[in-house]
N, C-alpha and C. Protein backbone atom coordinates (compact mmCIF):
# COMPACT_ATOMS: atom_id res chain seq x y z
N MET A 1 165.47 75.79 109.64
CA MET A 1 165.22 74.69 109.52
C MET A 1 165.44 74.64 108.02
N ARG A 2 165.99 73.60 107.39
CA ARG A 2 166.18 74.07 105.60
C ARG A 2 165.22 73.12 105.41
N LYS A 3 165.16 73.62 104.57
CA LYS A 3 162.87 72.44 103.67
C LYS A 3 163.81 71.66 102.69
N SER A 4 163.76 70.35 102.72
CA SER A 4 163.57 69.57 102.12
C SER A 4 163.00 69.22 100.77
N ALA A 5 163.49 69.69 99.82
CA ALA A 5 162.59 69.64 98.81
C ALA A 5 162.94 68.07 97.56
N SER A 6 161.67 67.61 97.65
CA SER A 6 161.77 66.13 96.58
C SER A 6 161.54 65.98 95.40
N LYS A 7 161.97 65.29 94.37
CA LYS A 7 162.14 66.25 93.34
C LYS A 7 160.23 63.66 92.71
N SER A 8 160.04 64.51 92.49
CA SER A 8 159.40 64.18 92.18
C SER A 8 159.38 63.22 90.55
N THR A 9 159.57 62.19 90.12
CA THR A 9 159.67 61.47 88.91
C THR A 9 158.25 61.43 88.13
N GLU A 10 158.16 61.97 87.15
CA GLU A 10 157.11 61.85 86.08
C GLU A 10 157.42 60.95 85.24
N THR A 11 156.45 59.97 85.34
CA THR A 11 156.83 58.61 83.72
C THR A 11 155.93 59.79 82.28
N ARG A 12 155.73 59.83 81.56
CA ARG A 12 155.79 59.89 80.22
C ARG A 12 155.75 58.73 79.70
N GLU A 13 153.74 59.17 79.25
CA GLU A 13 153.76 57.75 77.64
C GLU A 13 153.89 59.00 75.87
N PHE A 14 154.72 57.41 75.71
CA PHE A 14 154.48 58.21 74.46
C PHE A 14 153.78 57.53 73.61
N ASN A 15 153.40 58.29 72.64
CA ASN A 15 152.36 57.65 71.92
C ASN A 15 153.49 57.19 70.35
N TYR A 16 154.47 56.69 69.86
CA TYR A 16 154.38 56.54 68.74
C TYR A 16 153.76 55.77 67.92
N ARG A 17 153.43 56.49 66.98
CA ARG A 17 153.41 55.86 65.78
C ARG A 17 153.68 56.08 64.48
N GLU A 18 153.27 55.11 63.35
CA GLU A 18 154.59 56.65 61.63
C GLU A 18 154.01 57.03 61.81
N ILE A 19 154.91 58.53 61.27
CA ILE A 19 154.36 59.49 60.49
C ILE A 19 154.41 59.21 59.11
N ASP A 20 153.08 60.28 58.34
CA ASP A 20 153.30 59.29 56.93
C ASP A 20 153.46 61.02 56.24
N TRP A 21 154.15 61.01 55.14
CA TRP A 21 154.83 62.30 54.61
C TRP A 21 154.45 62.15 53.28
N GLU A 22 153.51 63.66 52.52
CA GLU A 22 153.47 63.27 51.47
C GLU A 22 154.01 63.92 50.85
N LEU A 23 154.04 64.26 49.09
CA LEU A 23 154.61 65.32 48.40
C LEU A 23 154.41 65.94 47.67
N ARG A 24 154.07 67.41 48.13
CA ARG A 24 153.62 68.68 47.37
C ARG A 24 153.74 68.45 45.99
N PRO A 25 152.60 69.02 45.43
CA PRO A 25 153.30 69.75 43.88
C PRO A 25 153.97 70.47 44.04
N GLY A 26 154.26 71.20 44.99
CA GLY A 26 155.45 71.73 44.64
C GLY A 26 156.51 71.24 45.32
N GLY A 27 156.58 70.01 45.33
CA GLY A 27 158.08 69.19 45.41
C GLY A 27 158.49 69.28 47.21
N MET A 28 157.15 69.95 47.92
CA MET A 28 158.22 70.16 49.23
C MET A 28 157.32 68.64 49.85
N LEU A 29 157.95 67.97 51.02
CA LEU A 29 158.24 66.68 51.86
C LEU A 29 157.62 67.40 52.79
N VAL A 30 155.97 67.08 52.88
CA VAL A 30 155.51 67.32 54.13
C VAL A 30 155.16 65.82 55.56
N GLN A 31 154.62 66.60 56.08
CA GLN A 31 153.60 66.11 57.15
C GLN A 31 152.72 65.71 56.63
N LYS A 32 151.54 64.80 56.37
CA LYS A 32 150.29 64.33 56.07
C LYS A 32 149.91 64.52 57.46
N MET A 33 148.48 65.72 56.84
CA MET A 33 147.54 66.03 58.73
C MET A 33 146.83 65.07 58.17
N GLY A 34 146.06 65.27 59.61
CA GLY A 34 145.25 64.11 60.21
C GLY A 34 146.25 63.58 60.38
N GLY A 35 144.53 61.93 59.74
CA GLY A 35 144.78 60.67 60.70
C GLY A 35 146.08 59.63 60.23
N VAL A 36 145.94 58.20 59.97
CA VAL A 36 147.21 57.65 58.78
C VAL A 36 146.55 57.20 57.30
N GLY A 37 145.92 58.96 57.14
CA GLY A 37 146.28 59.02 55.45
C GLY A 37 145.38 57.87 54.62
N ASP A 38 143.65 58.26 56.17
CA ASP A 38 142.60 57.47 55.04
C ASP A 38 142.05 58.99 54.68
N GLY A 39 143.23 60.30 54.32
CA GLY A 39 142.00 60.88 53.59
C GLY A 39 141.10 61.82 54.36
N SER A 40 140.43 61.15 54.78
CA SER A 40 139.40 61.80 55.37
C SER A 40 139.16 63.40 55.97
N SER A 41 140.46 63.27 56.36
CA SER A 41 140.43 64.87 57.35
C SER A 41 140.85 66.16 56.47
N ARG A 42 140.60 65.64 55.11
CA ARG A 42 141.79 66.98 53.93
C ARG A 42 139.98 67.61 53.59
N PRO A 43 140.65 68.74 53.24
CA PRO A 43 139.89 69.45 53.11
C PRO A 43 139.08 69.39 51.35
N MET A 44 138.06 69.83 51.69
CA MET A 44 137.38 68.99 50.76
C MET A 44 136.29 70.85 50.00
N ILE A 45 136.20 70.24 48.88
CA ILE A 45 136.10 72.06 48.12
C ILE A 45 134.22 71.28 47.32
N LYS A 46 133.73 71.76 46.86
CA LYS A 46 132.52 72.54 46.08
C LYS A 46 132.44 72.67 44.88
N ILE A 47 132.78 72.09 43.77
CA ILE A 47 132.83 72.71 42.28
C ILE A 47 131.95 72.44 41.55
N LYS A 48 131.60 73.87 40.91
CA LYS A 48 129.73 73.51 40.13
C LYS A 48 130.28 73.67 38.40
N VAL A 49 129.64 71.72 38.06
CA VAL A 49 130.69 71.68 36.79
C VAL A 49 128.97 71.79 36.21
N SER A 50 129.59 72.07 34.95
CA SER A 50 128.64 72.73 33.48
C SER A 50 129.11 71.65 32.19
N HIS A 51 127.79 70.91 32.29
CA HIS A 51 127.64 70.10 30.96
C HIS A 51 126.67 69.77 29.64
N GLY A 52 127.21 70.92 28.65
CA GLY A 52 126.26 71.22 27.97
C GLY A 52 124.61 71.90 28.95
N LEU A 53 124.27 71.90 29.30
CA LEU A 53 122.66 71.87 30.52
C LEU A 53 122.33 71.57 31.46
N CYS A 54 123.40 70.14 31.66
CA CYS A 54 123.41 69.43 33.67
C CYS A 54 124.34 70.70 33.56
N HIS A 55 124.00 69.92 35.25
CA HIS A 55 125.03 71.47 35.77
C HIS A 55 124.76 70.06 37.15
N TYR A 56 126.22 70.05 37.55
CA TYR A 56 126.36 68.26 38.86
C TYR A 56 127.15 70.09 40.11
N ASP A 57 127.01 69.96 41.05
CA ASP A 57 127.22 70.13 42.72
C ASP A 57 128.45 69.12 42.84
N ILE A 58 130.04 69.57 42.04
CA ILE A 58 130.96 68.27 43.50
C ILE A 58 131.98 68.16 44.21
N ALA A 59 131.82 68.25 44.76
CA ALA A 59 132.58 67.70 46.17
C ALA A 59 134.29 66.75 45.59
N VAL A 60 134.79 67.72 46.12
CA VAL A 60 136.20 66.38 46.46
C VAL A 60 137.02 67.72 47.50
N PRO A 61 138.59 66.88 47.68
CA PRO A 61 139.25 66.81 48.96
C PRO A 61 140.42 68.17 47.11
N ALA A 62 140.15 68.86 48.56
CA ALA A 62 140.93 70.45 48.13
C ALA A 62 142.82 70.31 46.83
N GLN A 63 143.71 69.26 47.06
CA GLN A 63 144.81 68.66 46.56
C GLN A 63 144.56 67.30 45.77
N SER A 64 142.73 67.03 45.13
CA SER A 64 142.97 66.61 44.47
C SER A 64 143.69 67.18 42.73
N THR A 65 143.61 65.59 41.59
CA THR A 65 144.00 66.38 40.21
C THR A 65 142.86 66.90 38.91
N PHE A 66 143.26 67.26 38.59
CA PHE A 66 141.47 67.21 37.49
C PHE A 66 141.29 65.62 37.01
N GLY A 67 142.42 65.15 37.18
CA GLY A 67 141.89 63.55 36.76
C GLY A 67 141.12 62.71 37.72
N ASP A 68 141.95 63.40 38.92
CA ASP A 68 141.10 62.85 40.19
C ASP A 68 139.46 63.32 40.09
N LEU A 69 138.94 64.08 39.41
CA LEU A 69 137.88 65.23 39.17
C LEU A 69 136.62 64.39 38.01
N LYS A 70 138.11 63.86 37.54
CA LYS A 70 136.66 63.06 34.99
C LYS A 70 135.99 62.13 36.28
N LYS A 71 137.76 61.46 37.80
CA LYS A 71 136.95 60.04 37.46
C LYS A 71 135.50 59.20 37.95
N VAL A 72 135.53 61.20 39.13
CA VAL A 72 134.31 61.27 39.83
C VAL A 72 132.76 61.08 39.15
N LEU A 73 134.08 61.95 37.66
CA LEU A 73 132.62 63.31 37.05
C LEU A 73 132.00 61.88 35.95
N ALA A 74 133.17 61.09 36.12
CA ALA A 74 132.60 59.47 35.25
C ALA A 74 131.54 58.85 35.89
N HIS A 75 131.41 59.09 36.71
CA HIS A 75 130.24 58.36 37.67
C HIS A 75 129.03 59.08 37.36
N GLU A 76 129.15 60.21 37.75
CA GLU A 76 127.92 60.54 37.87
C GLU A 76 126.99 61.30 35.62
N THR A 77 128.17 61.59 35.11
CA THR A 77 127.43 61.40 33.94
C THR A 77 127.00 60.78 32.79
N GLY A 78 128.18 59.57 33.71
CA GLY A 78 128.35 58.13 32.77
C GLY A 78 129.01 57.76 31.38
N LEU A 79 130.08 59.49 31.40
CA LEU A 79 131.43 59.85 30.16
C LEU A 79 133.02 59.67 30.89
N GLU A 80 133.53 58.09 30.13
CA GLU A 80 134.60 57.99 30.55
C GLU A 80 135.74 59.03 30.79
N SER A 81 136.49 58.76 31.61
CA SER A 81 137.78 59.79 32.18
C SER A 81 137.86 60.26 31.33
N LYS A 82 138.33 59.09 29.83
CA LYS A 82 139.09 59.27 28.00
C LYS A 82 138.51 60.17 27.88
N GLU A 83 137.06 60.16 27.67
CA GLU A 83 135.94 60.92 26.98
C GLU A 83 135.74 62.13 27.61
N GLN A 84 136.37 62.14 28.52
CA GLN A 84 136.72 64.04 28.99
C GLN A 84 136.69 65.31 29.27
N ARG A 85 136.79 66.13 28.85
CA ARG A 85 137.72 67.34 28.49
C ARG A 85 137.03 68.50 29.46
N LEU A 86 138.28 68.81 30.64
CA LEU A 86 137.95 70.11 31.17
C LEU A 86 138.25 71.59 31.05
N LEU A 87 137.72 72.36 31.12
CA LEU A 87 137.62 73.24 31.40
C LEU A 87 138.23 74.34 32.24
N PHE A 88 138.95 74.59 33.03
CA PHE A 88 139.27 75.71 33.78
C PHE A 88 139.38 77.47 33.59
N LYS A 89 138.94 78.80 33.94
CA LYS A 89 139.34 79.76 32.54
C LYS A 89 139.40 79.97 31.52
N GLY A 90 138.89 78.88 30.58
CA GLY A 90 139.30 79.31 28.99
C GLY A 90 139.99 78.08 28.73
N LYS A 91 141.02 77.85 29.10
CA LYS A 91 142.46 76.98 28.58
C LYS A 91 141.91 75.27 29.14
N GLU A 92 142.05 75.23 28.94
CA GLU A 92 141.92 72.96 28.65
C GLU A 92 142.65 72.09 29.73
N LYS A 93 142.42 71.30 30.79
CA LYS A 93 143.52 71.52 32.18
C LYS A 93 143.73 69.65 31.49
N GLU A 94 145.11 69.74 31.71
CA GLU A 94 146.16 67.85 31.70
C GLU A 94 145.18 67.25 33.27
N ASP A 95 144.80 65.70 32.76
CA ASP A 95 144.11 64.76 34.25
C ASP A 95 145.67 65.63 35.59
N ASP A 96 147.38 65.17 35.81
CA ASP A 96 148.03 65.30 36.51
C ASP A 96 147.95 67.16 36.51
N GLU A 97 147.45 68.09 36.26
CA GLU A 97 147.43 69.06 37.57
C GLU A 97 146.55 68.90 38.29
N TYR A 98 146.91 69.93 39.19
CA TYR A 98 146.05 69.36 41.11
C TYR A 98 145.29 70.46 40.45
N LEU A 99 144.20 70.48 40.87
CA LEU A 99 143.37 71.77 41.18
C LEU A 99 144.25 73.28 42.49
N HIS A 100 144.10 72.80 43.33
CA HIS A 100 143.91 74.03 43.86
C HIS A 100 145.28 74.91 43.71
N MET A 101 146.59 74.56 43.13
CA MET A 101 147.38 74.59 41.88
C MET A 101 146.88 75.97 41.21
N VAL A 102 146.08 75.13 40.00
CA VAL A 102 145.74 76.56 38.86
C VAL A 102 144.77 77.46 39.59
N GLY A 103 144.54 77.21 40.81
CA GLY A 103 143.78 78.39 40.79
C GLY A 103 141.76 77.90 41.55
N VAL A 104 141.74 76.37 41.32
CA VAL A 104 140.34 76.26 41.28
C VAL A 104 140.34 76.31 43.26
N SER A 105 138.73 76.70 43.52
CA SER A 105 138.25 76.48 44.81
C SER A 105 137.28 76.38 44.97
N ASP A 106 136.32 76.61 46.80
CA ASP A 106 135.41 75.76 46.82
C ASP A 106 135.01 77.21 45.66
N MET A 107 133.69 75.96 44.53
CA MET A 107 131.83 76.93 43.77
C MET A 107 132.78 77.99 43.07
N SER A 108 133.84 77.31 42.53
CA SER A 108 135.01 77.00 41.16
C SER A 108 133.93 76.66 39.77
N LYS A 109 133.60 76.85 38.06
CA LYS A 109 133.39 76.58 37.98
C LYS A 109 133.72 76.53 37.19
N VAL A 110 133.37 75.02 36.39
CA VAL A 110 134.40 74.72 35.38
C VAL A 110 133.84 74.06 34.28
N ILE A 111 133.51 74.18 33.22
CA ILE A 111 133.02 73.06 32.44
C ILE A 111 133.64 71.88 31.17
N LEU A 112 132.59 70.89 31.37
CA LEU A 112 133.26 69.83 30.75
C LEU A 112 132.25 69.47 29.80
N PHE A 113 132.55 68.56 28.94
CA PHE A 113 132.24 68.48 27.12
C PHE A 113 133.63 67.39 26.35
N GLU A 114 132.32 66.90 26.26
CA GLU A 114 132.35 65.62 25.86
C GLU A 114 134.25 65.71 23.99
N ASP A 115 134.80 64.77 24.36
CA ASP A 115 135.75 64.50 23.31
C ASP A 115 135.59 64.39 22.09
N PRO A 116 135.43 65.71 20.90
CA PRO A 116 134.57 64.84 19.68
C PRO A 116 134.99 63.77 19.23
N ALA A 117 136.70 64.13 19.01
CA ALA A 117 137.00 62.05 18.67
C ALA A 117 136.00 60.90 19.00
N SER A 118 135.74 60.71 20.45
CA SER A 118 135.20 59.89 21.37
C SER A 118 133.60 60.14 21.11
N LYS A 119 133.30 61.33 20.89
CA LYS A 119 131.20 61.82 19.79
C LYS A 119 131.54 60.63 18.50
N ALA A 120 132.68 61.43 17.93
CA ALA A 120 132.75 60.18 16.88
C ALA A 120 132.41 58.68 16.98
N ARG A 121 133.94 58.39 17.72
CA ARG A 121 133.64 56.99 17.65
C ARG A 121 132.40 56.10 17.62
N LYS A 122 131.53 57.03 18.66
CA LYS A 122 130.13 57.34 19.23
C LYS A 122 129.06 56.31 18.13
N LEU A 123 129.40 58.07 17.36
CA LEU A 123 128.51 57.90 15.99
C LEU A 123 128.83 57.15 15.40
N GLU A 124 130.27 56.56 14.70
CA GLU A 124 130.44 55.43 14.14
C GLU A 124 129.55 54.41 15.00
N GLU A 125 129.66 54.30 15.83
CA GLU A 125 129.49 52.39 16.57
C GLU A 125 127.95 51.54 16.80
N MET A 126 127.10 53.68 16.47
CA MET A 126 126.24 53.02 16.32
C MET A 126 125.33 53.48 14.98
N LYS A 127 126.49 54.09 14.27
CA LYS A 127 125.88 52.89 12.69
C LYS A 127 125.71 52.12 12.04
N ARG A 128 127.67 51.04 12.88
CA ARG A 128 126.74 49.84 12.70
C ARG A 128 126.26 49.01 13.64
N ASN A 129 125.84 49.46 14.85
CA ASN A 129 124.68 49.00 15.85
C ASN A 129 123.54 48.57 14.39
N GLN A 130 123.41 50.30 13.45
CA GLN A 130 122.26 50.34 13.25
C GLN A 130 122.02 49.48 11.95
N ASP A 131 123.11 49.10 11.68
CA ASP A 131 122.87 48.06 9.75
C ASP A 131 123.42 46.62 10.62
N SER A 132 123.88 46.76 11.89
CA SER A 132 123.86 45.07 12.26
C SER A 132 122.18 45.24 12.88
N LEU A 133 121.49 46.22 13.53
CA LEU A 133 120.11 45.87 13.53
C LEU A 133 118.71 45.86 12.01
N LYS A 134 119.56 46.33 11.96
CA LYS A 134 118.26 46.10 10.07
C LYS A 134 118.46 44.53 9.18
N ALA A 135 119.72 43.52 10.08
CA ALA A 135 120.61 42.77 9.37
C ALA A 135 120.14 41.96 9.71
N TYR A 136 119.84 42.30 11.14
CA TYR A 136 118.62 41.30 11.55
C TYR A 136 117.39 41.10 11.81
N GLU A 137 116.66 41.61 11.39
CA GLU A 137 115.23 42.04 11.08
C GLU A 137 114.97 41.76 9.82
N ALA A 138 115.83 41.79 9.32
CA ALA A 138 115.92 41.15 8.17
C ALA A 138 116.78 39.37 7.81
N VAL A 139 116.94 39.32 8.70
CA VAL A 139 117.12 37.34 9.23
C VAL A 139 115.70 37.16 9.91
N ALA A 140 115.48 37.63 10.18
CA ALA A 140 114.34 37.21 11.02
C ALA A 140 112.80 37.10 10.55
N ARG A 141 112.68 37.77 9.58
CA ARG A 141 111.60 37.53 8.05
C ARG A 141 112.16 36.46 7.59
N VAL A 142 113.15 36.76 6.88
CA VAL A 142 112.59 35.32 6.46
C VAL A 142 113.05 34.24 6.79
N ARG A 143 113.56 34.06 8.11
CA ARG A 143 113.24 33.04 9.25
C ARG A 143 110.97 33.17 9.36
N ALA A 144 111.30 33.69 9.46
CA ALA A 144 109.87 33.77 9.59
C ALA A 144 108.69 33.03 8.65
N GLU A 145 109.40 33.50 7.50
CA GLU A 145 108.85 33.31 6.31
C GLU A 145 109.18 32.20 5.50
N VAL A 146 109.78 31.28 6.52
CA VAL A 146 110.84 29.89 5.75
C VAL A 146 109.99 28.51 6.50
N ASP A 147 109.56 29.78 8.12
CA ASP A 147 109.20 28.57 9.08
C ASP A 147 107.29 28.73 8.63
N GLY A 148 106.48 29.68 8.14
CA GLY A 148 105.58 29.76 7.22
C GLY A 148 105.24 27.90 5.88
N LEU A 149 106.46 28.72 5.09
CA LEU A 149 106.49 27.31 4.58
C LEU A 149 106.97 25.92 5.38
N CYS A 150 107.89 26.06 6.12
CA CYS A 150 107.83 24.44 6.62
C CYS A 150 106.32 24.56 6.80
N GLU A 151 105.16 25.23 7.90
CA GLU A 151 104.27 24.83 7.85
C GLU A 151 103.87 24.25 6.91
N LYS A 152 103.49 24.92 5.52
CA LYS A 152 102.86 23.92 4.65
C LYS A 152 103.11 23.30 4.21
N VAL A 153 104.29 22.24 3.62
CA VAL A 153 105.27 21.72 3.38
C VAL A 153 104.62 20.65 4.03
N SER A 154 104.37 20.24 5.53
CA SER A 154 104.54 19.06 6.12
C SER A 154 103.51 19.67 6.19
N PHE A 155 101.47 19.86 6.17
CA PHE A 155 101.24 20.15 6.14
C PHE A 155 100.79 19.04 4.18
N HIS A 156 101.37 19.52 3.83
CA HIS A 156 101.45 18.28 2.35
C HIS A 156 101.53 17.07 2.71
N VAL A 157 102.64 16.88 2.63
CA VAL A 157 103.75 15.82 3.27
C VAL A 157 103.00 14.65 4.47
N GLU A 158 102.34 14.98 4.37
CA GLU A 158 100.86 14.39 6.44
C GLU A 158 100.26 14.11 5.31
N ILE A 159 99.55 15.28 4.11
CA ILE A 159 98.22 14.84 3.34
C ILE A 159 99.26 13.29 2.24
N LYS A 160 99.60 13.22 1.91
CA LYS A 160 100.98 12.32 0.81
C LYS A 160 101.22 10.70 1.73
N VAL A 161 101.45 11.33 2.98
CA VAL A 161 101.83 9.65 3.34
C VAL A 161 100.56 9.86 4.39
N ARG A 162 99.30 10.13 5.01
CA ARG A 162 97.96 8.58 4.79
C ARG A 162 97.74 8.06 3.24
N ALA A 163 98.08 8.90 2.13
CA ALA A 163 97.89 8.52 0.76
C ALA A 163 98.03 7.49 0.45
N VAL A 164 98.15 6.98 0.50
CA VAL A 164 100.21 5.95 1.02
C VAL A 164 99.64 4.26 1.85
N PRO A 165 99.43 3.02 1.07
CA PRO A 165 99.17 2.15 2.43
C PRO A 165 100.28 1.75 2.57
N ASP A 166 99.35 1.97 4.16
CA ASP A 166 101.11 1.48 5.43
C ASP A 166 101.54 -0.20 5.29
N GLY A 167 102.68 -0.06 5.76
CA GLY A 167 103.37 -0.75 6.00
C GLY A 167 104.11 -1.92 3.88
N LYS A 168 104.50 -1.23 3.43
CA LYS A 168 104.82 -2.12 2.40
C LYS A 168 106.18 -1.75 2.13
N PRO A 169 107.31 -1.95 0.90
CA PRO A 169 108.40 -1.96 0.88
C PRO A 169 108.17 -0.48 -0.09
N GLU A 170 107.84 -0.92 -0.56
CA GLU A 170 107.32 -0.45 -2.37
C GLU A 170 106.40 0.67 -2.22
N ASN A 171 106.01 0.50 -1.42
CA ASN A 171 104.93 2.03 -0.97
C ASN A 171 106.32 2.91 -0.79
N LEU A 172 107.00 2.66 0.31
CA LEU A 172 108.47 3.14 0.50
C LEU A 172 109.11 4.44 -0.02
N LEU A 173 108.78 3.78 -1.03
CA LEU A 173 109.48 4.43 -2.40
C LEU A 173 108.80 5.14 -3.45
N VAL A 174 107.42 4.85 -3.39
CA VAL A 174 106.25 5.96 -3.89
C VAL A 174 106.02 6.67 -3.03
N MET A 175 105.83 7.28 -1.67
CA MET A 175 106.16 8.40 -0.71
C MET A 175 107.25 9.19 -1.06
N ASN A 176 108.10 8.34 -1.06
CA ASN A 176 109.59 9.18 -1.17
C ASN A 176 109.59 10.00 -3.14
N VAL A 177 109.20 9.94 -3.88
CA VAL A 177 108.56 10.20 -4.69
C VAL A 177 107.42 11.40 -4.37
N LEU A 178 106.12 10.76 -3.93
CA LEU A 178 105.02 12.02 -3.69
C LEU A 178 106.24 12.64 -3.37
N MET A 179 107.15 12.99 -2.30
CA MET A 179 107.46 13.91 -1.48
C MET A 179 108.44 14.77 -2.49
N ILE A 180 109.01 14.21 -3.29
CA ILE A 180 110.04 14.69 -3.81
C ILE A 180 108.73 16.07 -4.34
N SER A 181 108.09 15.13 -5.53
CA SER A 181 106.85 16.31 -6.07
C SER A 181 106.63 16.88 -5.78
């Protein structure tokens, strides 16, 4: 007897989705890993950043640039990105350099310092603000003195107005003369 072999047909459903590509720093074009470009599946690294006496633990994606790190540090430190200088292994790094390409890994240490030029600009601005504050205080003292004199003058004018008999036009001339004197 011959066995009949029946072919079963399989239905395959393909999940077609758009493929996201990324250009790696070395110039290689590769398929993005993870979701649809949300970046949430990218490996994160924790970097220890020292700024003077302050220390920050910052978590960023491993393939970030130093410019990206500066943006995160701007929120933490209050220094704008352009006011920051970052040192890794004793060398200042540019904003477009990738962390993983220069050897920054999990728990690496980076030093942050403020750009000396921006520090000088801030000091100059503070000096201008202090000068403005001194001028404002001087104007306020003069204004208070004028207000005090105004009260005295209005008191004397009121006394002189009460001394003038009311209602007659010739008395208005007398009143004007008294106010001027």
